[in-house]
Amino acid sequence: MQNGRAKFIRMNKSPFSSLPPLPKAFSDLQDKVKEVIKNSPAGDVEKHMKSALSAALNKMDVVTREDFDIQSQMLSRALEKLSVLEKRVADLEAQKAGKP
């Protein structure tokens, strides 16, 4: 520590990168554990949580990012057109006021 601050060392490689790959038995065991969890009540809890979260988001009138971006672009274009039309109306009113 220097001046009350911790000094961190940046490592270019992961400390685990030098380890040999896991034997096939371990990867098979990992796959089996994933499958057990998927088919267990824990997997059901995850499915129920996803559906509950989805239902809650639907009730909150939440939109997707894609829909939001599309609406933002449409609003931007509408505001540009409105600005052009306001200028045109102002020009026409000025012309009318200038003519007897």
N, C-alpha and C. Protein backbone atom coordinates (compact mmCIF):
# COMPACT_ATOMS: atom_id res chain seq x y z
N MET A 1 0.84 -1.18 0.00
CA MET A 1 0.00 0.00 0.00
C MET A 1 0.88 1.24 0.00
N GLN A 2 0.52 2.19 -0.84
CA GLN A 2 1.24 3.45 -0.88
C GLN A 2 0.24 4.57 -0.61
N ASN A 3 0.59 5.45 0.31
CA ASN A 3 -0.26 6.59 0.64
C ASN A 3 -1.68 6.16 0.99
N GLY A 4 -1.84 5.04 1.66
CA GLY A 4 -3.16 4.59 2.05
C GLY A 4 -3.97 3.97 0.92
N ARG A 5 -3.35 3.77 -0.22
CA ARG A 5 -4.04 3.18 -1.36
C ARG A 5 -3.43 1.82 -1.69
N ALA A 6 -4.28 0.90 -2.03
CA ALA A 6 -3.81 -0.43 -2.41
C ALA A 6 -3.22 -0.37 -3.82
N LYS A 7 -2.17 -1.10 -4.03
CA LYS A 7 -1.56 -1.15 -5.35
C LYS A 7 -1.99 -2.45 -6.01
N PHE A 8 -2.56 -2.33 -7.21
CA PHE A 8 -3.03 -3.49 -7.92
C PHE A 8 -2.07 -3.80 -9.06
N ILE A 9 -1.83 -5.06 -9.22
CA ILE A 9 -0.95 -5.51 -10.30
C ILE A 9 -1.81 -6.01 -11.43
N ARG A 10 -1.57 -5.52 -12.62
CA ARG A 10 -2.34 -5.95 -13.79
C ARG A 10 -1.70 -7.23 -14.33
N MET A 11 -2.53 -8.25 -14.47
CA MET A 11 -2.04 -9.53 -14.98
C MET A 11 -2.48 -9.66 -16.43
N ASN A 12 -1.54 -10.02 -17.28
CA ASN A 12 -1.86 -10.19 -18.69
C ASN A 12 -2.58 -11.51 -18.93
N LYS A 13 -2.33 -12.49 -18.09
CA LYS A 13 -2.94 -13.80 -18.29
C LYS A 13 -3.73 -14.18 -17.05
N SER A 14 -4.73 -14.97 -17.26
CA SER A 14 -5.50 -15.49 -16.14
C SER A 14 -4.61 -16.45 -15.35
N PRO A 15 -4.71 -16.49 -14.03
CA PRO A 15 -3.90 -17.43 -13.26
C PRO A 15 -4.27 -18.88 -13.56
N PHE A 16 -5.43 -19.09 -14.17
CA PHE A 16 -5.88 -20.44 -14.47
C PHE A 16 -5.54 -20.86 -15.89
N SER A 17 -4.97 -19.96 -16.68
CA SER A 17 -4.72 -20.28 -18.08
C SER A 17 -3.65 -21.34 -18.25
N SER A 18 -2.79 -21.49 -17.26
CA SER A 18 -1.72 -22.48 -17.38
C SER A 18 -2.18 -23.88 -16.96
N LEU A 19 -3.39 -23.98 -16.41
CA LEU A 19 -3.91 -25.28 -16.01
C LEU A 19 -4.30 -26.10 -17.23
N PRO A 20 -4.09 -27.40 -17.17
CA PRO A 20 -4.51 -28.22 -18.32
C PRO A 20 -6.02 -28.28 -18.40
N PRO A 21 -6.57 -28.58 -19.58
CA PRO A 21 -8.03 -28.67 -19.69
C PRO A 21 -8.57 -29.79 -18.81
N LEU A 22 -9.81 -29.64 -18.42
CA LEU A 22 -10.43 -30.66 -17.56
C LEU A 22 -10.56 -31.97 -18.31
N PRO A 23 -10.36 -33.07 -17.60
CA PRO A 23 -10.58 -34.37 -18.25
C PRO A 23 -12.04 -34.53 -18.66
N LYS A 24 -12.28 -35.41 -19.60
CA LYS A 24 -13.63 -35.62 -20.12
C LYS A 24 -14.59 -36.01 -19.01
N ALA A 25 -14.14 -36.73 -18.01
CA ALA A 25 -15.02 -37.14 -16.92
C ALA A 25 -15.59 -35.92 -16.20
N PHE A 26 -14.75 -34.90 -16.00
CA PHE A 26 -15.23 -33.70 -15.32
C PHE A 26 -16.22 -32.92 -16.19
N SER A 27 -15.93 -32.83 -17.47
CA SER A 27 -16.86 -32.12 -18.34
C SER A 27 -18.19 -32.88 -18.44
N ASP A 28 -18.12 -34.21 -18.44
CA ASP A 28 -19.35 -35.00 -18.44
C ASP A 28 -20.13 -34.77 -17.14
N LEU A 29 -19.41 -34.71 -16.03
CA LEU A 29 -20.05 -34.46 -14.75
C LEU A 29 -20.70 -33.08 -14.74
N GLN A 30 -20.01 -32.10 -15.30
CA GLN A 30 -20.56 -30.75 -15.38
C GLN A 30 -21.84 -30.75 -16.21
N ASP A 31 -21.84 -31.44 -17.33
CA ASP A 31 -23.03 -31.53 -18.17
C ASP A 31 -24.18 -32.20 -17.44
N LYS A 32 -23.87 -33.27 -16.68
CA LYS A 32 -24.91 -33.97 -15.94
C LYS A 32 -25.51 -33.09 -14.85
N VAL A 33 -24.66 -32.31 -14.17
CA VAL A 33 -25.14 -31.42 -13.12
C VAL A 33 -26.05 -30.35 -13.73
N LYS A 34 -25.65 -29.81 -14.87
CA LYS A 34 -26.50 -28.82 -15.56
C LYS A 34 -27.85 -29.42 -15.91
N GLU A 35 -27.84 -30.66 -16.38
CA GLU A 35 -29.09 -31.31 -16.77
C GLU A 35 -29.97 -31.57 -15.55
N VAL A 36 -29.36 -31.99 -14.43
CA VAL A 36 -30.12 -32.24 -13.20
C VAL A 36 -30.76 -30.95 -12.71
N ILE A 37 -30.00 -29.87 -12.73
CA ILE A 37 -30.53 -28.58 -12.28
C ILE A 37 -31.66 -28.14 -13.21
N LYS A 38 -31.46 -28.36 -14.52
CA LYS A 38 -32.48 -27.98 -15.49
C LYS A 38 -33.78 -28.73 -15.24
N ASN A 39 -33.70 -29.99 -14.89
CA ASN A 39 -34.89 -30.83 -14.69
C ASN A 39 -35.37 -30.84 -13.24
N SER A 40 -34.68 -30.14 -12.36
CA SER A 40 -35.05 -30.14 -10.95
C SER A 40 -36.00 -29.00 -10.64
N PRO A 41 -36.48 -28.93 -9.41
CA PRO A 41 -37.33 -27.81 -9.03
C PRO A 41 -36.63 -26.46 -9.23
N ALA A 42 -35.31 -26.44 -9.17
CA ALA A 42 -34.59 -25.19 -9.40
C ALA A 42 -34.85 -24.69 -10.82
N GLY A 43 -34.90 -25.62 -11.76
CA GLY A 43 -35.23 -25.25 -13.14
C GLY A 43 -36.64 -24.71 -13.25
N ASP A 44 -37.56 -25.32 -12.49
CA ASP A 44 -38.94 -24.84 -12.48
C ASP A 44 -39.04 -23.45 -11.86
N VAL A 45 -38.27 -23.23 -10.81
CA VAL A 45 -38.27 -21.92 -10.16
C VAL A 45 -37.81 -20.86 -11.15
N GLU A 46 -36.76 -21.17 -11.92
CA GLU A 46 -36.27 -20.22 -12.91
C GLU A 46 -37.35 -19.92 -13.96
N LYS A 47 -38.03 -20.94 -14.43
CA LYS A 47 -39.10 -20.74 -15.41
C LYS A 47 -40.22 -19.88 -14.83
N HIS A 48 -40.61 -20.17 -13.58
CA HIS A 48 -41.67 -19.40 -12.93
C HIS A 48 -41.25 -17.94 -12.71
N MET A 49 -40.00 -17.74 -12.33
CA MET A 49 -39.51 -16.38 -12.12
C MET A 49 -39.51 -15.60 -13.43
N LYS A 50 -39.11 -16.24 -14.52
CA LYS A 50 -39.11 -15.57 -15.82
C LYS A 50 -40.53 -15.19 -16.23
N SER A 51 -41.47 -16.10 -16.03
CA SER A 51 -42.85 -15.79 -16.42
C SER A 51 -43.45 -14.71 -15.51
N ALA A 52 -43.12 -14.75 -14.22
CA ALA A 52 -43.63 -13.72 -13.30
C ALA A 52 -43.03 -12.36 -13.65
N LEU A 53 -41.76 -12.34 -13.97
CA LEU A 53 -41.11 -11.08 -14.35
C LEU A 53 -41.69 -10.55 -15.65
N SER A 54 -41.93 -11.43 -16.59
CA SER A 54 -42.52 -11.02 -17.86
C SER A 54 -43.91 -10.44 -17.65
N ALA A 55 -44.72 -11.09 -16.82
CA ALA A 55 -46.06 -10.59 -16.53
C ALA A 55 -46.00 -9.23 -15.85
N ALA A 56 -45.08 -9.06 -14.92
CA ALA A 56 -44.95 -7.78 -14.22
C ALA A 56 -44.53 -6.67 -15.19
N LEU A 57 -43.62 -6.98 -16.10
CA LEU A 57 -43.19 -5.98 -17.08
C LEU A 57 -44.32 -5.62 -18.03
N ASN A 58 -45.14 -6.59 -18.40
CA ASN A 58 -46.28 -6.30 -19.27
C ASN A 58 -47.28 -5.37 -18.60
N LYS A 59 -47.48 -5.53 -17.30
CA LYS A 59 -48.40 -4.67 -16.57
C LYS A 59 -47.86 -3.25 -16.44
N MET A 60 -46.56 -3.09 -16.51
CA MET A 60 -45.94 -1.79 -16.30
C MET A 60 -45.82 -0.98 -17.59
N ASP A 61 -46.36 -1.43 -18.69
CA ASP A 61 -46.27 -0.74 -19.97
C ASP A 61 -44.82 -0.47 -20.37
N VAL A 62 -43.99 -1.45 -20.23
CA VAL A 62 -42.59 -1.34 -20.62
C VAL A 62 -42.47 -1.72 -22.09
N VAL A 63 -41.66 -0.96 -22.83
CA VAL A 63 -41.46 -1.26 -24.25
C VAL A 63 -40.02 -1.74 -24.45
N THR A 64 -39.83 -2.40 -25.57
CA THR A 64 -38.48 -2.87 -25.88
C THR A 64 -37.61 -1.70 -26.30
N ARG A 65 -36.33 -1.87 -26.22
CA ARG A 65 -35.40 -0.81 -26.62
C ARG A 65 -35.58 -0.49 -28.10
N GLU A 66 -35.81 -1.52 -28.90
CA GLU A 66 -36.01 -1.33 -30.33
C GLU A 66 -37.23 -0.44 -30.59
N ASP A 67 -38.34 -0.71 -29.92
CA ASP A 67 -39.55 0.11 -30.08
C ASP A 67 -39.30 1.54 -29.63
N PHE A 68 -38.58 1.69 -28.52
CA PHE A 68 -38.27 3.02 -28.01
C PHE A 68 -37.43 3.80 -29.01
N ASP A 69 -36.41 3.16 -29.59
CA ASP A 69 -35.56 3.83 -30.57
C ASP A 69 -36.35 4.23 -31.81
N ILE A 70 -37.24 3.37 -32.26
CA ILE A 70 -38.08 3.69 -33.43
C ILE A 70 -38.96 4.90 -33.14
N GLN A 71 -39.59 4.91 -31.97
CA GLN A 71 -40.45 6.02 -31.61
C GLN A 71 -39.65 7.32 -31.47
N SER A 72 -38.44 7.22 -30.94
CA SER A 72 -37.58 8.41 -30.82
C SER A 72 -37.23 8.98 -32.19
N GLN A 73 -36.92 8.10 -33.14
CA GLN A 73 -36.61 8.55 -34.50
C GLN A 73 -37.83 9.20 -35.15
N MET A 74 -38.99 8.61 -34.96
CA MET A 74 -40.23 9.17 -35.53
C MET A 74 -40.51 10.55 -34.93
N LEU A 75 -40.32 10.68 -33.64
CA LEU A 75 -40.54 11.97 -32.97
C LEU A 75 -39.56 13.02 -33.50
N SER A 76 -38.33 12.63 -33.66
CA SER A 76 -37.32 13.56 -34.18
C SER A 76 -37.70 14.06 -35.57
N ARG A 77 -38.12 13.14 -36.43
CA ARG A 77 -38.54 13.54 -37.78
C ARG A 77 -39.78 14.44 -37.75
N ALA A 78 -40.72 14.12 -36.88
CA ALA A 78 -41.93 14.93 -36.76
C ALA A 78 -41.60 16.34 -36.28
N LEU A 79 -40.67 16.46 -35.34
CA LEU A 79 -40.27 17.77 -34.84
C LEU A 79 -39.58 18.59 -35.93
N GLU A 80 -38.76 17.92 -36.75
CA GLU A 80 -38.11 18.61 -37.87
C GLU A 80 -39.16 19.14 -38.86
N LYS A 81 -40.13 18.30 -39.19
CA LYS A 81 -41.19 18.72 -40.12
C LYS A 81 -42.00 19.86 -39.52
N LEU A 82 -42.29 19.79 -38.23
CA LEU A 82 -43.04 20.84 -37.56
C LEU A 82 -42.29 22.16 -37.64
N SER A 83 -40.99 22.12 -37.42
CA SER A 83 -40.18 23.33 -37.50
C SER A 83 -40.24 23.95 -38.89
N VAL A 84 -40.16 23.12 -39.93
CA VAL A 84 -40.24 23.60 -41.31
C VAL A 84 -41.61 24.23 -41.57
N LEU A 85 -42.66 23.56 -41.11
CA LEU A 85 -44.02 24.08 -41.32
C LEU A 85 -44.26 25.38 -40.56
N GLU A 86 -43.73 25.49 -39.33
CA GLU A 86 -43.88 26.73 -38.57
C GLU A 86 -43.20 27.89 -39.29
N LYS A 87 -42.02 27.64 -39.85
CA LYS A 87 -41.32 28.68 -40.60
C LYS A 87 -42.12 29.07 -41.84
N ARG A 88 -42.67 28.08 -42.51
CA ARG A 88 -43.46 28.35 -43.71
C ARG A 88 -44.71 29.20 -43.38
N VAL A 89 -45.40 28.85 -42.30
CA VAL A 89 -46.58 29.62 -41.88
C VAL A 89 -46.16 31.04 -41.53
N ALA A 90 -45.05 31.20 -40.82
CA ALA A 90 -44.59 32.53 -40.45
C ALA A 90 -44.28 33.35 -41.70
N ASP A 91 -43.63 32.71 -42.69
CA ASP A 91 -43.33 33.41 -43.96
C ASP A 91 -44.61 33.83 -44.68
N LEU A 92 -45.59 32.94 -44.73
CA LEU A 92 -46.86 33.25 -45.39
C LEU A 92 -47.60 34.37 -44.66
N GLU A 93 -47.57 34.35 -43.33
CA GLU A 93 -48.22 35.42 -42.56
C GLU A 93 -47.51 36.74 -42.81
N ALA A 94 -46.20 36.71 -42.93
CA ALA A 94 -45.45 37.94 -43.20
C ALA A 94 -45.77 38.48 -44.57
N GLN A 95 -45.91 37.57 -45.54
CA GLN A 95 -46.27 38.01 -46.91
C GLN A 95 -47.66 38.63 -46.91
N LYS A 96 -48.57 38.00 -46.21
CA LYS A 96 -49.95 38.49 -46.17
C LYS A 96 -50.01 39.86 -45.48
N ALA A 97 -49.25 40.03 -44.43
CA ALA A 97 -49.25 41.29 -43.70
C ALA A 97 -48.62 42.41 -44.54
N GLY A 98 -47.69 42.06 -45.39
CA GLY A 98 -47.03 43.06 -46.22
C GLY A 98 -47.87 43.51 -47.40
N LYS A 99 -48.83 42.71 -47.84
CA LYS A 99 -49.68 43.06 -48.99
C LYS A 99 -50.97 43.73 -48.51
N PRO A 100 -51.42 44.74 -49.25
CA PRO A 100 -52.67 45.43 -48.85
C PRO A 100 -53.89 44.64 -49.23
